Protein backbone atom coordinates (compact mmCIF):
# COMPACT_ATOMS: atom_id res chain seq x y z
CA MET A 1 -4.30 33.56 -19.20
CA PHE A 2 -2.39 32.63 -22.32
CA GLN A 3 -0.10 30.40 -20.25
CA ARG A 4 -3.10 28.49 -18.87
CA ILE A 5 -4.42 27.83 -22.37
CA VAL A 6 -1.03 26.61 -23.59
CA ASN A 7 -0.65 24.46 -20.48
CA PHE A 8 -4.11 22.93 -21.00
CA TRP A 9 -3.39 22.06 -24.63
CA ALA A 10 0.02 20.64 -23.78
CA GLN A 11 -1.48 18.43 -21.06
CA THR A 12 -4.24 17.31 -23.42
CA PHE A 13 -1.70 16.44 -26.11
CA VAL A 14 0.50 14.47 -23.72
CA THR A 15 -2.49 12.64 -22.22
CA GLU A 16 -3.81 11.65 -25.64
CA ARG A 17 -0.37 10.41 -26.71
CA LEU A 18 0.01 8.32 -23.55
CA LEU A 19 -3.47 6.83 -23.90
CA ALA A 20 -2.66 5.79 -27.47
CA SER A 21 0.68 4.20 -26.52
CA PRO A 22 0.80 0.39 -26.10
CA LEU A 23 4.12 0.76 -24.28
CA PHE A 24 2.49 3.03 -21.70
CA HIS A 25 -0.32 0.51 -21.15
CA ARG A 26 2.17 -2.33 -20.63
CA LEU A 27 4.14 -0.19 -18.19
CA ALA A 28 0.99 0.69 -16.27
CA ALA A 29 -0.08 -2.97 -16.11
CA ARG A 30 3.34 -4.11 -14.86
CA THR A 31 3.41 -1.34 -12.28
CA HIS A 32 -0.05 -2.31 -11.06
CA GLN A 33 0.96 -5.98 -10.76
CA LYS A 34 4.12 -5.12 -8.83
CA VAL A 35 2.33 -2.79 -6.41
CA SER A 36 -0.41 -5.40 -5.85
CA SER A 37 2.13 -8.12 -5.06
CA ILE A 38 3.98 -5.84 -2.64
CA GLN A 39 0.71 -4.96 -0.90
CA GLN A 40 -0.23 -8.64 -0.55
CA ALA A 41 3.18 -9.51 0.90
CA GLY A 42 2.98 -6.58 3.31
CA SER A 43 -0.50 -7.60 4.35
CA SER A 44 0.59 -11.12 5.28
CA HIS A 45 3.55 -9.76 7.29
CA TYR A 46 1.23 -7.35 9.08
CA ASN A 47 -1.18 -10.18 9.94
CA GLU A 48 1.66 -12.30 11.34
CA PHE A 49 2.96 -9.37 13.39
CA SER A 50 -0.46 -8.42 14.75
CA LYS A 51 -1.20 -12.05 15.76
CA ALA A 52 2.17 -12.37 17.54
CA PHE A 53 1.66 -9.01 19.25
CA LYS A 54 -1.82 -9.99 20.44
CA ASP A 55 -0.57 -13.35 21.71
CA ASN A 56 2.25 -11.64 23.58
CA LEU A 57 -0.12 -9.14 25.21
CA GLU A 58 -2.43 -11.95 26.34
CA LYS A 59 0.53 -13.89 27.76
CA GLU A 60 1.78 -10.85 29.67
CA ALA A 61 -1.72 -10.15 30.99
CA ARG A 62 -1.99 -13.73 32.33
CA LYS A 63 1.42 -13.39 34.00
CA GLN A 64 0.35 -10.12 35.61
CA GLN A 65 -2.89 -11.71 36.89
CA GLN A 66 -0.92 -14.59 38.43
CA ARG A 67 1.43 -12.13 40.15
CA ASN A 68 -1.51 -10.14 41.50
CA LEU A 69 -3.15 -13.31 42.85
CA SER A 70 0.04 -14.50 44.51
CA ASP A 71 0.58 -11.14 46.28
């Protein structure tokens, strides 16, 4: 029980210190910007991949239909 109380106060102290720190806020803002830019880049790559994949599936389906009609 005593350990829980000490742990709670230690966490509260650390949290308050971080919230008061301008350096911590700058670090958090930079981290957010970096993660956002990575997500946007990944999203555009995913969209390109999914479009190419869909196009390829449609192309293969048309080829298969032509083979079935010629048989």
